[in-house]
Amino acid sequence: MSTDTTPSDAEAACFEAGIKFGTLYHQFAGTPLSPSSASSLETAMEEAIENQPHCTDVTVAVQTDALEAELAESTADYTELTGRFLEVEIVVDYEGHEVLTRMEMEDGYPLMRLESVRGR
């Protein structure tokens, strides 16, 4: 049994992806969201997360059908951003290891998952 506890580059790449998702979700959760602000919020989220080290691509899509359904049952013109309104893909490249992660609703929960790790 090895006593080396140093993470591999691939493991570090996965950790970096997790940091990006934690930042994205917890920085923006609760942001006021309306159909007219959805596009600009998508862009703001993408650009903010892409600023982080090792992040090569971020795609955020507000699920407008879910948003409009939520607002149809409300007297307000907006609601707060939660994971149920988002589909997100984040790509991290760390020391030659590309990690693809995704968040989407699964069984009523915004599940963040590791899709693939490519590299050396």
N, C-alpha and C. Protein backbone atom coordinates (compact mmCIF):
# COMPACT_ATOMS: atom_id res chain seq x y z
N MET A 1 0.85 -1.17 0.00
CA MET A 1 0.00 0.00 0.00
C MET A 1 0.90 1.24 0.00
N SER A 2 0.63 2.13 -0.91
CA SER A 2 1.42 3.35 -1.05
C SER A 2 1.11 4.33 0.08
N THR A 3 2.14 5.01 0.53
CA THR A 3 1.94 6.04 1.57
C THR A 3 1.94 7.44 0.97
N ASP A 4 2.11 7.53 -0.36
CA ASP A 4 2.10 8.81 -1.05
C ASP A 4 0.66 9.33 -1.13
N THR A 5 0.40 10.46 -0.51
CA THR A 5 -0.95 11.03 -0.52
C THR A 5 -1.04 12.26 -1.41
N THR A 6 -0.03 12.51 -2.20
CA THR A 6 -0.05 13.64 -3.12
C THR A 6 -1.05 13.36 -4.23
N PRO A 7 -1.99 14.28 -4.46
CA PRO A 7 -2.96 14.03 -5.53
C PRO A 7 -2.29 14.01 -6.90
N SER A 8 -2.81 13.19 -7.77
CA SER A 8 -2.32 13.17 -9.15
C SER A 8 -2.80 14.45 -9.85
N ASP A 9 -2.23 14.74 -11.01
CA ASP A 9 -2.68 15.90 -11.77
C ASP A 9 -4.15 15.76 -12.18
N ALA A 10 -4.57 14.56 -12.52
CA ALA A 10 -5.97 14.33 -12.88
C ALA A 10 -6.89 14.59 -11.68
N GLU A 11 -6.47 14.15 -10.50
CA GLU A 11 -7.27 14.41 -9.29
C GLU A 11 -7.32 15.90 -8.99
N ALA A 12 -6.21 16.59 -9.16
CA ALA A 12 -6.18 18.04 -8.94
C ALA A 12 -7.08 18.75 -9.95
N ALA A 13 -7.12 18.27 -11.19
CA ALA A 13 -8.00 18.85 -12.20
C ALA A 13 -9.47 18.69 -11.79
N CYS A 14 -9.83 17.53 -11.26
CA CYS A 14 -11.19 17.30 -10.78
C CYS A 14 -11.53 18.22 -9.61
N PHE A 15 -10.58 18.40 -8.70
CA PHE A 15 -10.77 19.31 -7.57
C PHE A 15 -11.02 20.73 -8.09
N GLU A 16 -10.22 21.17 -9.06
CA GLU A 16 -10.39 22.50 -9.64
C GLU A 16 -11.79 22.67 -10.22
N ALA A 17 -12.30 21.65 -10.89
CA ALA A 17 -13.65 21.71 -11.45
C ALA A 17 -14.69 21.85 -10.33
N GLY A 18 -14.49 21.13 -9.24
CA GLY A 18 -15.41 21.24 -8.10
C GLY A 18 -15.42 22.64 -7.51
N ILE A 19 -14.25 23.26 -7.43
CA ILE A 19 -14.16 24.63 -6.93
C ILE A 19 -14.97 25.57 -7.82
N LYS A 20 -14.87 25.38 -9.13
CA LYS A 20 -15.59 26.23 -10.07
C LYS A 20 -17.09 26.10 -9.86
N PHE A 21 -17.58 24.86 -9.69
CA PHE A 21 -19.01 24.66 -9.47
C PHE A 21 -19.47 25.25 -8.15
N GLY A 22 -18.68 25.06 -7.10
CA GLY A 22 -19.05 25.64 -5.80
C GLY A 22 -19.16 27.14 -5.89
N THR A 23 -18.22 27.76 -6.58
CA THR A 23 -18.24 29.21 -6.75
C THR A 23 -19.46 29.63 -7.55
N LEU A 24 -19.68 28.98 -8.68
CA LEU A 24 -20.80 29.34 -9.54
C LEU A 24 -22.12 29.24 -8.79
N TYR A 25 -22.34 28.12 -8.15
CA TYR A 25 -23.63 27.90 -7.51
C TYR A 25 -23.84 28.84 -6.33
N HIS A 26 -22.87 28.93 -5.46
CA HIS A 26 -23.08 29.69 -4.23
C HIS A 26 -22.91 31.19 -4.40
N GLN A 27 -22.22 31.60 -5.44
CA GLN A 27 -22.10 33.03 -5.71
C GLN A 27 -23.39 33.58 -6.29
N PHE A 28 -24.08 32.80 -7.12
CA PHE A 28 -25.23 33.32 -7.85
C PHE A 28 -26.58 32.85 -7.32
N ALA A 29 -26.63 31.83 -6.49
CA ALA A 29 -27.91 31.38 -5.94
C ALA A 29 -28.57 32.55 -5.21
N GLY A 30 -29.83 32.74 -5.48
CA GLY A 30 -30.58 33.82 -4.85
C GLY A 30 -30.64 35.09 -5.68
N THR A 31 -29.88 35.15 -6.77
CA THR A 31 -29.91 36.33 -7.64
C THR A 31 -31.32 36.49 -8.22
N PRO A 32 -31.86 37.69 -8.21
CA PRO A 32 -33.17 37.90 -8.85
C PRO A 32 -33.09 37.52 -10.33
N LEU A 33 -34.08 36.78 -10.80
CA LEU A 33 -34.08 36.23 -12.15
C LEU A 33 -35.45 36.42 -12.79
N SER A 34 -35.43 36.95 -14.01
CA SER A 34 -36.65 37.10 -14.80
C SER A 34 -36.35 36.68 -16.23
N PRO A 35 -37.37 36.46 -17.03
CA PRO A 35 -37.10 36.12 -18.43
C PRO A 35 -36.27 37.18 -19.14
N SER A 36 -36.45 38.42 -18.80
CA SER A 36 -35.70 39.47 -19.49
C SER A 36 -34.24 39.57 -19.02
N SER A 37 -33.93 39.05 -17.83
CA SER A 37 -32.55 39.12 -17.33
C SER A 37 -31.79 37.80 -17.51
N ALA A 38 -32.47 36.77 -17.96
CA ALA A 38 -31.85 35.43 -18.04
C ALA A 38 -30.59 35.42 -18.91
N SER A 39 -30.66 36.02 -20.07
CA SER A 39 -29.52 36.00 -20.99
C SER A 39 -28.32 36.73 -20.41
N SER A 40 -28.54 37.88 -19.83
CA SER A 40 -27.41 38.63 -19.27
C SER A 40 -26.83 37.93 -18.05
N LEU A 41 -27.67 37.25 -17.28
CA LEU A 41 -27.17 36.50 -16.13
C LEU A 41 -26.35 35.29 -16.59
N GLU A 42 -26.78 34.61 -17.65
CA GLU A 42 -25.99 33.51 -18.21
C GLU A 42 -24.59 34.00 -18.56
N THR A 43 -24.53 35.12 -19.27
CA THR A 43 -23.24 35.68 -19.69
C THR A 43 -22.39 36.07 -18.49
N ALA A 44 -22.99 36.72 -17.51
CA ALA A 44 -22.25 37.15 -16.32
C ALA A 44 -21.67 35.95 -15.57
N MET A 45 -22.45 34.88 -15.45
CA MET A 45 -21.98 33.69 -14.76
C MET A 45 -20.82 33.05 -15.53
N GLU A 46 -20.98 32.92 -16.84
CA GLU A 46 -19.92 32.32 -17.66
C GLU A 46 -18.62 33.12 -17.54
N GLU A 47 -18.73 34.42 -17.70
CA GLU A 47 -17.52 35.25 -17.68
C GLU A 47 -16.87 35.28 -16.31
N ALA A 48 -17.66 35.28 -15.25
CA ALA A 48 -17.10 35.29 -13.90
C ALA A 48 -16.33 34.01 -13.60
N ILE A 49 -16.89 32.87 -13.95
CA ILE A 49 -16.24 31.60 -13.65
C ILE A 49 -15.04 31.37 -14.55
N GLU A 50 -15.11 31.82 -15.81
CA GLU A 50 -13.97 31.67 -16.73
C GLU A 50 -12.75 32.46 -16.26
N ASN A 51 -12.92 33.43 -15.37
CA ASN A 51 -11.79 34.17 -14.81
C ASN A 51 -10.91 33.30 -13.93
N GLN A 52 -11.44 32.22 -13.40
CA GLN A 52 -10.70 31.41 -12.44
C GLN A 52 -9.60 30.60 -13.14
N PRO A 53 -8.53 30.34 -12.42
CA PRO A 53 -7.41 29.58 -13.00
C PRO A 53 -7.86 28.21 -13.53
N HIS A 54 -7.30 27.83 -14.66
CA HIS A 54 -7.46 26.52 -15.28
C HIS A 54 -8.83 26.30 -15.94
N CYS A 55 -9.72 27.28 -15.85
CA CYS A 55 -11.04 27.15 -16.45
C CYS A 55 -10.96 27.57 -17.92
N THR A 56 -11.30 26.66 -18.83
CA THR A 56 -11.18 26.96 -20.25
C THR A 56 -12.51 27.24 -20.92
N ASP A 57 -13.62 26.76 -20.35
CA ASP A 57 -14.91 27.01 -20.97
C ASP A 57 -16.02 26.82 -19.94
N VAL A 58 -17.00 27.71 -20.01
CA VAL A 58 -18.20 27.62 -19.16
C VAL A 58 -19.40 27.92 -20.04
N THR A 59 -20.40 27.07 -19.96
CA THR A 59 -21.66 27.31 -20.65
C THR A 59 -22.78 27.23 -19.63
N VAL A 60 -23.54 28.31 -19.53
CA VAL A 60 -24.67 28.39 -18.61
C VAL A 60 -25.93 28.59 -19.43
N ALA A 61 -26.94 27.79 -19.19
CA ALA A 61 -28.23 27.94 -19.87
C ALA A 61 -29.33 28.00 -18.82
N VAL A 62 -30.04 29.12 -18.78
CA VAL A 62 -31.21 29.24 -17.91
C VAL A 62 -32.36 28.51 -18.60
N GLN A 63 -32.99 27.63 -17.88
CA GLN A 63 -34.11 26.86 -18.41
C GLN A 63 -35.36 27.74 -18.38
N THR A 64 -35.59 28.44 -19.48
CA THR A 64 -36.66 29.44 -19.52
C THR A 64 -38.04 28.82 -19.37
N ASP A 65 -38.24 27.58 -19.81
CA ASP A 65 -39.54 26.93 -19.63
C ASP A 65 -39.86 26.78 -18.14
N ALA A 66 -38.88 26.33 -17.38
CA ALA A 66 -39.06 26.18 -15.93
C ALA A 66 -39.26 27.53 -15.27
N LEU A 67 -38.50 28.54 -15.71
CA LEU A 67 -38.62 29.88 -15.16
C LEU A 67 -40.01 30.45 -15.44
N GLU A 68 -40.48 30.34 -16.66
CA GLU A 68 -41.80 30.86 -17.01
C GLU A 68 -42.92 30.12 -16.28
N ALA A 69 -42.77 28.82 -16.09
CA ALA A 69 -43.76 28.05 -15.33
C ALA A 69 -43.81 28.52 -13.88
N GLU A 70 -42.64 28.79 -13.30
CA GLU A 70 -42.58 29.30 -11.92
C GLU A 70 -43.28 30.66 -11.82
N LEU A 71 -43.01 31.52 -12.78
CA LEU A 71 -43.59 32.87 -12.74
C LEU A 71 -45.07 32.88 -13.05
N ALA A 72 -45.56 31.90 -13.79
CA ALA A 72 -46.99 31.83 -14.11
C ALA A 72 -47.82 31.64 -12.85
N GLU A 73 -47.23 31.06 -11.82
CA GLU A 73 -47.94 30.80 -10.57
C GLU A 73 -47.66 31.87 -9.52
N SER A 74 -47.05 32.98 -9.93
CA SER A 74 -46.62 34.01 -9.00
C SER A 74 -47.20 35.36 -9.39
N THR A 75 -47.31 36.24 -8.42
CA THR A 75 -47.72 37.61 -8.72
C THR A 75 -46.52 38.50 -9.03
N ALA A 76 -45.34 38.00 -8.79
CA ALA A 76 -44.12 38.77 -9.04
C ALA A 76 -43.65 38.56 -10.49
N ASP A 77 -42.83 39.48 -10.96
CA ASP A 77 -42.27 39.39 -12.31
C ASP A 77 -40.91 38.71 -12.33
N TYR A 78 -40.43 38.28 -11.17
CA TYR A 78 -39.13 37.61 -11.08
C TYR A 78 -39.17 36.61 -9.94
N THR A 79 -38.15 35.78 -9.90
CA THR A 79 -37.97 34.83 -8.81
C THR A 79 -36.49 34.80 -8.49
N GLU A 80 -36.09 33.96 -7.58
CA GLU A 80 -34.66 33.87 -7.27
C GLU A 80 -34.05 32.67 -7.99
N LEU A 81 -32.80 32.85 -8.40
CA LEU A 81 -32.09 31.79 -9.11
C LEU A 81 -31.81 30.62 -8.17
N THR A 82 -32.18 29.44 -8.62
CA THR A 82 -31.82 28.19 -7.95
C THR A 82 -31.34 27.22 -9.02
N GLY A 83 -30.81 26.11 -8.60
CA GLY A 83 -30.30 25.12 -9.52
C GLY A 83 -31.35 24.56 -10.47
N ARG A 84 -32.61 24.61 -10.09
CA ARG A 84 -33.63 24.03 -10.97
C ARG A 84 -33.80 24.82 -12.27
N PHE A 85 -33.25 26.02 -12.32
CA PHE A 85 -33.35 26.83 -13.53
C PHE A 85 -32.09 26.77 -14.40
N LEU A 86 -31.10 25.97 -14.01
CA LEU A 86 -29.81 26.01 -14.70
C LEU A 86 -29.40 24.68 -15.29
N GLU A 87 -28.74 24.76 -16.44
CA GLU A 87 -27.91 23.68 -16.96
C GLU A 87 -26.55 24.31 -17.21
N VAL A 88 -25.51 23.67 -16.68
CA VAL A 88 -24.17 24.26 -16.72
C VAL A 88 -23.17 23.19 -17.17
N GLU A 89 -22.21 23.62 -17.97
CA GLU A 89 -21.09 22.77 -18.34
C GLU A 89 -19.81 23.57 -18.10
N ILE A 90 -18.85 22.96 -17.41
CA ILE A 90 -17.57 23.60 -17.11
C ILE A 90 -16.45 22.68 -17.57
N VAL A 91 -15.46 23.28 -18.25
CA VAL A 91 -14.28 22.54 -18.69
C VAL A 91 -13.07 23.16 -18.01
N VAL A 92 -12.26 22.30 -17.40
CA VAL A 92 -11.04 22.70 -16.72
C VAL A 92 -9.88 21.97 -17.38
N ASP A 93 -8.78 22.69 -17.58
CA ASP A 93 -7.56 22.07 -18.10
C ASP A 93 -6.45 22.34 -17.08
N TYR A 94 -5.96 21.27 -16.47
CA TYR A 94 -4.92 21.38 -15.46
C TYR A 94 -3.80 20.42 -15.81
N GLU A 95 -2.62 20.96 -16.07
CA GLU A 95 -1.43 20.15 -16.35
C GLU A 95 -1.69 19.07 -17.41
N GLY A 96 -2.41 19.46 -18.46
CA GLY A 96 -2.66 18.53 -19.55
C GLY A 96 -3.83 17.58 -19.35
N HIS A 97 -4.57 17.75 -18.28
CA HIS A 97 -5.76 16.93 -18.01
C HIS A 97 -6.99 17.80 -18.19
N GLU A 98 -7.85 17.41 -19.12
CA GLU A 98 -9.09 18.15 -19.36
C GLU A 98 -10.23 17.44 -18.64
N VAL A 99 -10.93 18.21 -17.83
CA VAL A 99 -12.05 17.68 -17.06
C VAL A 99 -13.33 18.35 -17.55
N LEU A 100 -14.33 17.55 -17.87
CA LEU A 100 -15.63 18.05 -18.27
C LEU A 100 -16.62 17.74 -17.15
N THR A 101 -17.30 18.78 -16.67
CA THR A 101 -18.30 18.61 -15.61
C THR A 101 -19.61 19.21 -16.09
N ARG A 102 -20.69 18.75 -15.49
CA ARG A 102 -22.01 19.22 -15.91
C ARG A 102 -22.95 19.26 -14.70
N MET A 103 -23.86 20.23 -14.72
CA MET A 103 -24.92 20.29 -13.71
C MET A 103 -26.25 20.36 -14.44
N GLU A 104 -27.15 19.49 -14.05
CA GLU A 104 -28.51 19.51 -14.58
C GLU A 104 -29.42 18.85 -13.56
N MET A 105 -30.69 19.08 -13.72
CA MET A 105 -31.66 18.53 -12.79
C MET A 105 -31.76 17.01 -12.97
N GLU A 106 -31.76 16.31 -11.86
CA GLU A 106 -31.96 14.86 -11.85
C GLU A 106 -32.80 14.52 -10.63
N ASP A 107 -33.98 13.97 -10.87
CA ASP A 107 -34.91 13.61 -9.80
C ASP A 107 -35.18 14.80 -8.87
N GLY A 108 -35.35 15.98 -9.45
CA GLY A 108 -35.68 17.17 -8.68
C GLY A 108 -34.52 17.83 -7.96
N TYR A 109 -33.30 17.41 -8.27
CA TYR A 109 -32.12 17.96 -7.60
C TYR A 109 -31.11 18.43 -8.64
N PRO A 110 -30.49 19.60 -8.43
CA PRO A 110 -29.47 20.07 -9.38
C PRO A 110 -28.16 19.31 -9.15
N LEU A 111 -27.98 18.22 -9.88
CA LEU A 111 -26.84 17.33 -9.68
C LEU A 111 -25.63 17.81 -10.47
N MET A 112 -24.51 17.97 -9.78
CA MET A 112 -23.24 18.32 -10.42
C MET A 112 -22.44 17.03 -10.55
N ARG A 113 -21.97 16.77 -11.76
CA ARG A 113 -21.29 15.49 -11.97
C ARG A 113 -20.05 15.65 -12.85
N LEU A 114 -19.14 14.74 -12.64
CA LEU A 114 -17.95 14.63 -13.46
C LEU A 114 -18.31 13.78 -14.67
N GLU A 115 -18.18 14.35 -15.86
CA GLU A 115 -18.53 13.64 -17.09
C GLU A 115 -17.33 12.88 -17.65
N SER A 116 -16.16 13.54 -17.69
CA SER A 116 -15.00 12.86 -18.26
C SER A 116 -13.71 13.53 -17.80
N VAL A 117 -12.64 12.73 -17.82
CA VAL A 117 -11.27 13.20 -17.55
C VAL A 117 -10.41 12.68 -18.68
N ARG A 118 -9.77 13.59 -19.41
CA ARG A 118 -8.92 13.19 -20.53
C ARG A 118 -7.53 13.75 -20.32
N GLY A 119 -6.55 13.06 -20.78
CA GLY A 119 -5.18 13.56 -20.68
C GLY A 119 -4.20 12.44 -20.50
N ARG A 120 -3.02 12.85 -20.07
CA ARG A 120 -1.91 11.90 -19.91
C ARG A 120 -2.24 10.79 -18.98
